[in-house]
C-alpha atoms as a PDB file:
ATOM      1  CA  MET A   1      70.731  57.346   4.900  1.00  0.00           C
ATOM      2  CA  GLU A   2      68.133  55.360   6.741  1.00  0.00           C
ATOM      3  CA  PHE A   3      68.214  51.673   7.525  1.00  0.00           C
ATOM      4  CA  SER A   4      65.083  49.757   8.433  1.00  0.00           C
ATOM      5  CA  HIS A   5      64.035  49.769  12.073  1.00  0.00           C
ATOM      6  CA  TYR A   6      65.359  46.229  12.377  1.00  0.00           C
ATOM      7  CA  ASN A   7      68.839  47.106  11.185  1.00  0.00           C
ATOM      8  CA  ASP A   8      69.679  50.551  12.597  1.00  0.00           C
ATOM      9  CA  GLY A   9      70.683  49.188  15.963  1.00  0.00           C
ATOM     10  CA  SER A  10      72.147  46.001  14.529  1.00  0.00           C
ATOM     11  CA  VAL A  11      74.413  47.938  12.169  1.00  0.00           C
ATOM     12  CA  GLN A  12      75.722  49.979  15.102  1.00  0.00           C
ATOM     13  CA  LEU A  13      76.030  46.792  17.145  1.00  0.00           C
ATOM     14  CA  ALA A  14      78.292  45.280  14.457  1.00  0.00           C
ATOM     15  CA  VAL A  15      80.423  48.435  14.196  1.00  0.00           C
ATOM     16  CA  ASP A  16      80.787  48.803  17.958  1.00  0.00           C
ATOM     17  CA  LEU A  17      81.551  45.112  18.428  1.00  0.00           C
ATOM     18  CA  VAL A  18      84.399  45.261  15.901  1.00  0.00           C
ATOM     19  CA  ASN A  19      85.684  48.450  17.514  1.00  0.00           C
ATOM     20  CA  THR A  20      85.966  46.835  20.965  1.00  0.00           C
ATOM     21  CA  LEU A  21      89.451  45.830  19.815  1.00  0.00           C
ATOM     22  CA  ASP A  22      91.791  48.709  19.029  1.00  0.00           C
ATOM     23  CA  HIS A  23      93.839  47.238  16.212  1.00  0.00           C
ATOM     24  CA  VAL A  24      96.421  50.033  16.455  1.00  0.00           C
ATOM     25  CA  ASP A  25      97.448  49.687  20.107  1.00  0.00           C
ATOM     26  CA  GLY A  26      95.949  46.259  20.863  1.00  0.00           C
ATOM     27  CA  THR A  27      93.594  47.433  23.627  1.00  0.00           C
ATOM     28  CA  ASP A  28      90.777  44.910  23.983  1.00  0.00           C
ATOM     29  CA  ARG A  29      87.557  45.983  25.704  1.00  0.00           C
ATOM     30  CA  LEU A  30      86.070  42.459  25.682  1.00  0.00           C
ATOM     31  CA  THR A  31      88.410  40.455  27.873  1.00  0.00           C
ATOM     32  CA  ASN A  32      85.995  39.165  30.502  1.00  0.00           C
ATOM     33  CA  ARG A  33      82.346  38.527  31.315  1.00  0.00           C
ATOM     34  CA  SER A  34      81.776  41.882  33.010  1.00  0.00           C
ATOM     35  CA  GLU A  35      83.062  43.818  29.984  1.00  0.00           C
ATOM     36  CA  LEU A  36      80.864  41.737  27.699  1.00  0.00           C
ATOM     37  CA  GLN A  37      77.886  42.277  30.016  1.00  0.00           C
ATOM     38  CA  ALA A  38      78.492  46.057  29.991  1.00  0.00           C
ATOM     39  CA  PHE A  39      78.590  46.008  26.182  1.00  0.00           C
ATOM     40  CA  LEU A  40      75.337  44.035  26.054  1.00  0.00           C
ATOM     41  CA  ASP A  41      73.678  46.261  28.665  1.00  0.00           C
ATOM     42  CA  TYR A  42      74.412  49.341  26.579  1.00  0.00           C
ATOM     43  CA  PHE A  43      72.827  47.802  23.505  1.00  0.00           C
ATOM     44  CA  GLU A  44      69.874  46.373  25.416  1.00  0.00           C
ATOM     45  CA  ASP A  45      68.829  49.965  26.088  1.00  0.00           C
ATOM     46  CA  GLU A  46      69.309  50.800  22.394  1.00  0.00           C
ATOM     47  CA  PHE A  47      67.156  47.799  21.429  1.00  0.00           C
ATOM     48  CA  SER A  48      64.455  48.527  23.989  1.00  0.00           C
ATOM     49  CA  ASN A  49      61.699  48.082  21.404  1.00  0.00           C
ATOM     50  CA  GLN A  50      63.004  44.731  20.141  1.00  0.00           C
ATOM     51  CA  ILE A  51      63.542  41.238  21.421  1.00  0.00           C
ATOM     52  CA  TRP A  52      66.900  41.011  23.178  1.00  0.00           C
ATOM     53  CA  TRP A  53      68.979  38.011  24.143  1.00  0.00           C
ATOM     54  CA  GLU A  54      68.205  36.772  27.644  1.00  0.00           C
ATOM     55  CA  GLY A  55      70.896  35.335  29.841  1.00  0.00           C
ATOM     56  CA  THR A  56      74.207  35.935  31.517  1.00  0.00           C
ATOM     57  CA  PRO A  57      77.387  35.734  29.424  1.00  0.00           C
ATOM     58  CA  THR A  58      79.847  33.001  30.252  1.00  0.00           C
ATOM     59  CA  ALA A  59      83.621  32.875  29.844  1.00  0.00           C
ATOM     60  CA  GLU A  60      83.002  30.722  26.755  1.00  0.00           C
ATOM     61  CA  ASP A  61      80.739  33.465  25.365  1.00  0.00           C
ATOM     62  CA  VAL A  62      83.577  35.983  25.696  1.00  0.00           C
ATOM     63  CA  LEU A  63      85.895  33.788  23.633  1.00  0.00           C
ATOM     64  CA  ALA A  64      83.238  33.003  21.027  1.00  0.00           C
ATOM     65  CA  ILE A  65      82.288  36.657  20.632  1.00  0.00           C
ATOM     66  CA  ARG A  66      85.917  37.675  20.251  1.00  0.00           C
ATOM     67  CA  ASP A  67      86.099  35.161  17.374  1.00  0.00           C
ATOM     68  CA  LEU A  68      82.897  36.635  15.928  1.00  0.00           C
ATOM     69  CA  ARG A  69      84.427  40.097  16.234  1.00  0.00           C
ATOM     70  CA  GLN A  70      87.365  38.960  14.096  1.00  0.00           C
ATOM     71  CA  SER A  71      85.017  37.535  11.465  1.00  0.00           C
ATOM     72  CA  LEU A  72      83.095  40.811  11.390  1.00  0.00           C
ATOM     73  CA  LYS A  73      86.325  42.828  11.056  1.00  0.00           C
ATOM     74  CA  GLN A  74      87.087  40.757   7.946  1.00  0.00           C
ATOM     75  CA  VAL A  75      83.915  42.166   6.363  1.00  0.00           C
ATOM     76  CA  TRP A  76      85.536  45.606   6.284  1.00  0.00           C
ATOM     77  CA  GLU A  77      88.900  44.224   5.197  1.00  0.00           C
ATOM     78  CA  ALA A  78      87.472  41.941   2.484  1.00  0.00           C
ATOM     79  CA  GLY A  79      88.291  44.217  -0.429  1.00  0.00           C
ATOM     80  CA  SER A  80      85.531  42.999  -2.722  1.00  0.00           C
ATOM     81  CA  VAL A  81      81.824  42.322  -2.792  1.00  0.00           C
ATOM     82  CA  ALA A  82      82.488  38.635  -3.464  1.00  0.00           C
ATOM     83  CA  ASN A  83      84.665  38.317  -0.359  1.00  0.00           C
ATOM     84  CA  VAL A  84      82.197  40.208   1.840  1.00  0.00           C
ATOM     85  CA  THR A  85      79.371  38.059   0.541  1.00  0.00           C
ATOM     86  CA  SER A  86      81.300  34.904   1.373  1.00  0.00           C
ATOM     87  CA  ILE A  87      82.054  36.049   4.933  1.00  0.00           C
ATOM     88  CA  LEU A  88      78.490  37.162   5.628  1.00  0.00           C
ATOM     89  CA  ASN A  89      77.011  34.017   4.100  1.00  0.00           C
ATOM     90  CA  GLU A  90      79.152  31.862   6.404  1.00  0.00           C
ATOM     91  CA  LEU A  91      77.951  33.810   9.437  1.00  0.00           C
ATOM     92  CA  LEU A  92      74.336  33.562   8.288  1.00  0.00           C
ATOM     93  CA  LYS A  93      74.614  29.854   7.518  1.00  0.00           C
ATOM     94  CA  ARG A  94      75.709  29.083  11.056  1.00  0.00           C
ATOM     95  CA  SER A  95      73.374  31.415  12.932  1.00  0.00           C
ATOM     96  CA  ALA A  96      70.411  32.879  11.033  1.00  0.00           C
ATOM     97  CA  ILE A  97      67.153  31.123  11.755  1.00  0.00           C
ATOM     98  CA  PRO A  98      64.159  32.902  10.222  1.00  0.00           C
ATOM     99  CA  ARG A  99      61.150  33.222  12.473  1.00  0.00           C
ATOM    100  CA  ILE A 100      58.124  35.461  12.765  1.00  0.00           C
ATOM    101  CA  SER A 101      57.783  37.476  15.947  1.00  0.00           C
ATOM    102  CA  VAL A 102      54.933  39.517  17.393  1.00  0.00           C
ATOM    103  CA  HIS A 103      56.668  40.650  20.623  1.00  0.00           C
ATOM    104  CA  ASN A 104      53.838  39.400  22.793  1.00  0.00           C
ATOM    105  CA  GLY A 105      51.250  41.120  20.621  1.00  0.00           C
ATOM    106  CA  ARG A 106      52.748  44.603  21.049  1.00  0.00           C
ATOM    107  CA  VAL A 107      53.705  45.032  17.376  1.00  0.00           C
ATOM    108  CA  ASN A 108      52.643  43.658  14.024  1.00  0.00           C
ATOM    109  CA  PRO A 109      54.158  40.333  12.961  1.00  0.00           C
ATOM    110  CA  HIS A 110      57.597  40.711  11.411  1.00  0.00           C
ATOM    111  CA  PHE A 111      60.677  38.626  10.682  1.00  0.00           C
ATOM    112  CA  HIS A 112      63.643  38.031  12.925  1.00  0.00           C
ATOM    113  CA  PHE A 113      66.641  36.081  11.710  1.00  0.00           C
ATOM    114  CA  ASP A 114      68.178  34.828  14.930  1.00  0.00           C
ATOM    115  CA  PRO A 115      67.953  31.764  17.168  1.00  0.00           C
ATOM    116  CA  GLY A 116      65.781  33.641  19.662  1.00  0.00           C
ATOM    117  CA  GLN A 117      66.294  34.777  23.214  1.00  0.00           C
ATOM    118  CA  ASP A 118      67.256  31.362  24.507  1.00  0.00           C
ATOM    119  CA  GLY A 119      69.765  30.494  21.749  1.00  0.00           C
ATOM    120  CA  PRO A 120      73.529  30.846  22.181  1.00  0.00           C
ATOM    121  CA  LEU A 121      74.652  34.460  22.597  1.00  0.00           C
ATOM    122  CA  VAL A 122      77.242  34.237  19.833  1.00  0.00           C
ATOM    123  CA  ASP A 123      74.657  32.907  17.376  1.00  0.00           C
ATOM    124  CA  TRP A 124      72.226  35.649  18.312  1.00  0.00           C
ATOM    125  CA  LEU A 125      74.898  38.329  17.813  1.00  0.00           C
ATOM    126  CA  ALA A 126      76.167  36.713  14.602  1.00  0.00           C
ATOM    127  CA  ALA A 127      72.692  36.606  13.089  1.00  0.00           C
ATOM    128  CA  ALA A 128      71.786  40.160  14.109  1.00  0.00           C
ATOM    129  CA  THR A 129      75.038  41.692  12.875  1.00  0.00           C
ATOM    130  CA  ALA A 130      75.366  39.620   9.688  1.00  0.00           C
ATOM    131  CA  MET A 131      71.759  40.386   8.689  1.00  0.00           C
ATOM    132  CA  ALA A 132      72.339  44.082   9.290  1.00  0.00           C
ATOM    133  CA  LEU A 133      75.625  44.209   7.383  1.00  0.00           C
ATOM    134  CA  GLY A 134      74.107  42.120   4.604  1.00  0.00           C
ATOM    135  CA  THR A 135      71.288  44.639   4.312  1.00  0.00           C
ATOM    136  CA  VAL A 136      73.783  47.502   4.069  1.00  0.00           C
ATOM    137  CA  LEU A 137      75.726  45.598   1.414  1.00  0.00           C
ATOM    138  CA  CYS A 138      72.657  44.702  -0.662  1.00  0.00           C
ATOM    139  CA  ASP A 139      70.803  48.004  -0.321  1.00  0.00           C
ATOM    140  CA  HIS A 140      73.662  50.520  -0.268  1.00  0.00           C
ATOM    141  CA  GLY A 141      76.819  48.841  -1.584  1.00  0.00           C
ATOM    142  CA  PHE A 142      80.247  47.810  -0.354  1.00  0.00           C
ATOM    143  CA  GLU A 143      81.466  51.427  -0.614  1.00  0.00           C
ATOM    144  CA  ARG A 144      79.562  52.153   2.601  1.00  0.00           C
ATOM    145  CA  PHE A 145      81.979  49.989   4.635  1.00  0.00           C
ATOM    146  CA  GLY A 146      84.872  52.140   5.826  1.00  0.00           C
ATOM    147  CA  ILE A 147      87.980  51.870   7.950  1.00  0.00           C
ATOM    148  CA  CYS A 148      89.184  55.094   9.537  1.00  0.00           C
ATOM    149  CA  ALA A 149      91.842  56.843   7.423  1.00  0.00           C
ATOM    150  CA  SER A 150      93.545  58.329  10.472  1.00  0.00           C
ATOM    151  CA  VAL A 151      97.072  57.040  11.025  1.00  0.00           C
ATOM    152  CA  THR A 152      96.309  56.607  14.730  1.00  0.00           C
ATOM    153  CA  CYS A 153      93.045  54.702  14.307  1.00  0.00           C
ATOM    154  CA  ASP A 154      91.584  51.873  12.287  1.00  0.00           C
ATOM    155  CA  ASP A 155      88.081  51.705  13.714  1.00  0.00           C
ATOM    156  CA  VAL A 156      85.390  50.647  11.272  1.00  0.00           C
ATOM    157  CA  TYR A 157      82.261  52.578  10.343  1.00  0.00           C
ATOM    158  CA  ILE A 158      79.360  52.597   7.916  1.00  0.00           C
ATOM    159  CA  ASP A 159      79.443  55.681   5.701  1.00  0.00           C
ATOM    160  CA  THR A 160      76.030  57.306   5.897  1.00  0.00           C
ATOM    161  CA  SER A 161      77.007  60.451   3.974  1.00  0.00           C
ATOM    162  CA  LYS A 162      74.982  61.251   0.880  1.00  0.00           C
ATOM    163  CA  ASN A 163      77.999  61.271  -1.441  1.00  0.00           C
ATOM    164  CA  ARG A 164      79.932  58.390   0.160  1.00  0.00           C
ATOM    165  CA  SER A 165      82.807  60.687   1.081  1.00  0.00           C
ATOM    166  CA  ARG A 166      83.406  59.880   4.733  1.00  0.00           C
ATOM    167  CA  LEU A 167      87.033  59.097   5.597  1.00  0.00           C
ATOM    168  CA  HIS A 168      87.066  58.813   9.383  1.00  0.00           C
ATOM    169  CA  CYS A 169      85.197  56.888  12.054  1.00  0.00           C
ATOM    170  CA  SER A 170      84.355  59.988  14.085  1.00  0.00           C
ATOM    171  CA  THR A 171      84.539  63.755  14.188  1.00  0.00           C
ATOM    172  CA  THR A 172      87.401  63.353  16.669  1.00  0.00           C
ATOM    173  CA  CYS A 173      89.562  61.601  14.072  1.00  0.00           C
ATOM    174  CA  THR A 174      88.497  64.051  11.352  1.00  0.00           C
ATOM    175  CA  THR A 175      89.456  67.015  13.540  1.00  0.00           C
ATOM    176  CA  ARG A 176      92.764  65.437  14.586  1.00  0.00           C
ATOM    177  CA  GLU A 177      93.703  64.762  10.945  1.00  0.00           C
ATOM    178  CA  ASN A 178      92.656  68.268   9.835  1.00  0.00           C
ATOM    179  CA  VAL A 179      94.690  69.907  12.608  1.00  0.00           C
ATOM    180  CA  ALA A 180      97.727  67.766  11.739  1.00  0.00           C
ATOM    181  CA  ALA A 181      97.408  68.698   8.045  1.00  0.00           C
ATOM    182  CA  HIS A 182      97.077  72.391   8.949  1.00  0.00           C
ATOM    183  CA  ARG A 183     100.205  72.236  11.108  1.00  0.00           C
ATOM    184  CA  ARG A 184     102.125  70.533   8.286  1.00  0.00           C
ATOM    185  CA  ARG A 185     101.094  73.311   5.880  1.00  0.00           C
ATOM    186  CA  ILE A 186     102.195  76.003   8.334  1.00  0.00           C
ATOM    187  CA  ARG A 187     105.583  74.297   8.855  1.00  0.00           C
ATOM    188  CA  ALA A 188     106.033  73.944   5.084  1.00  0.00           C
ATOM    189  CA  GLY A 189     105.551  77.697   4.713  1.00  0.00           C
END
């Protein structure tokens, strides 16, 4: 499955942001400004051909983005298209500001739906991730939103398989579950 150039990175940004909190063991990888900066630095490289938020995260940004992360996690837990739509619409209402960008003349004019480089970090992230997840929902359906089926993981993912059959967030979890099932079969005789 292909997402538009605008959303590929933003979809992964949303997934990775939600997965900075391990809901199974409680490990949080966004507890301070340096962890948030490292997360942003990684994605800045991924977004090298797009406008990126400019600035240095504050302690308030960390707290606001942890709240955003919880709102985004609710997208996967929503259980219905109506609930997902409601969550995403709330995020878009508070943060999405349509504007046309030309990236200093380097690319053709196109839309961005964020407050721009000098807007609040949480609003920029909320707009980018909500627009991306909204595009997945509208273009590919709610079935594409998955939570890992492994008993030792509940990371989220977007199912990009052709037949919508993905069950795990990664090949690591798939392998671990397959090995465990194989061992159970051997023990059962």
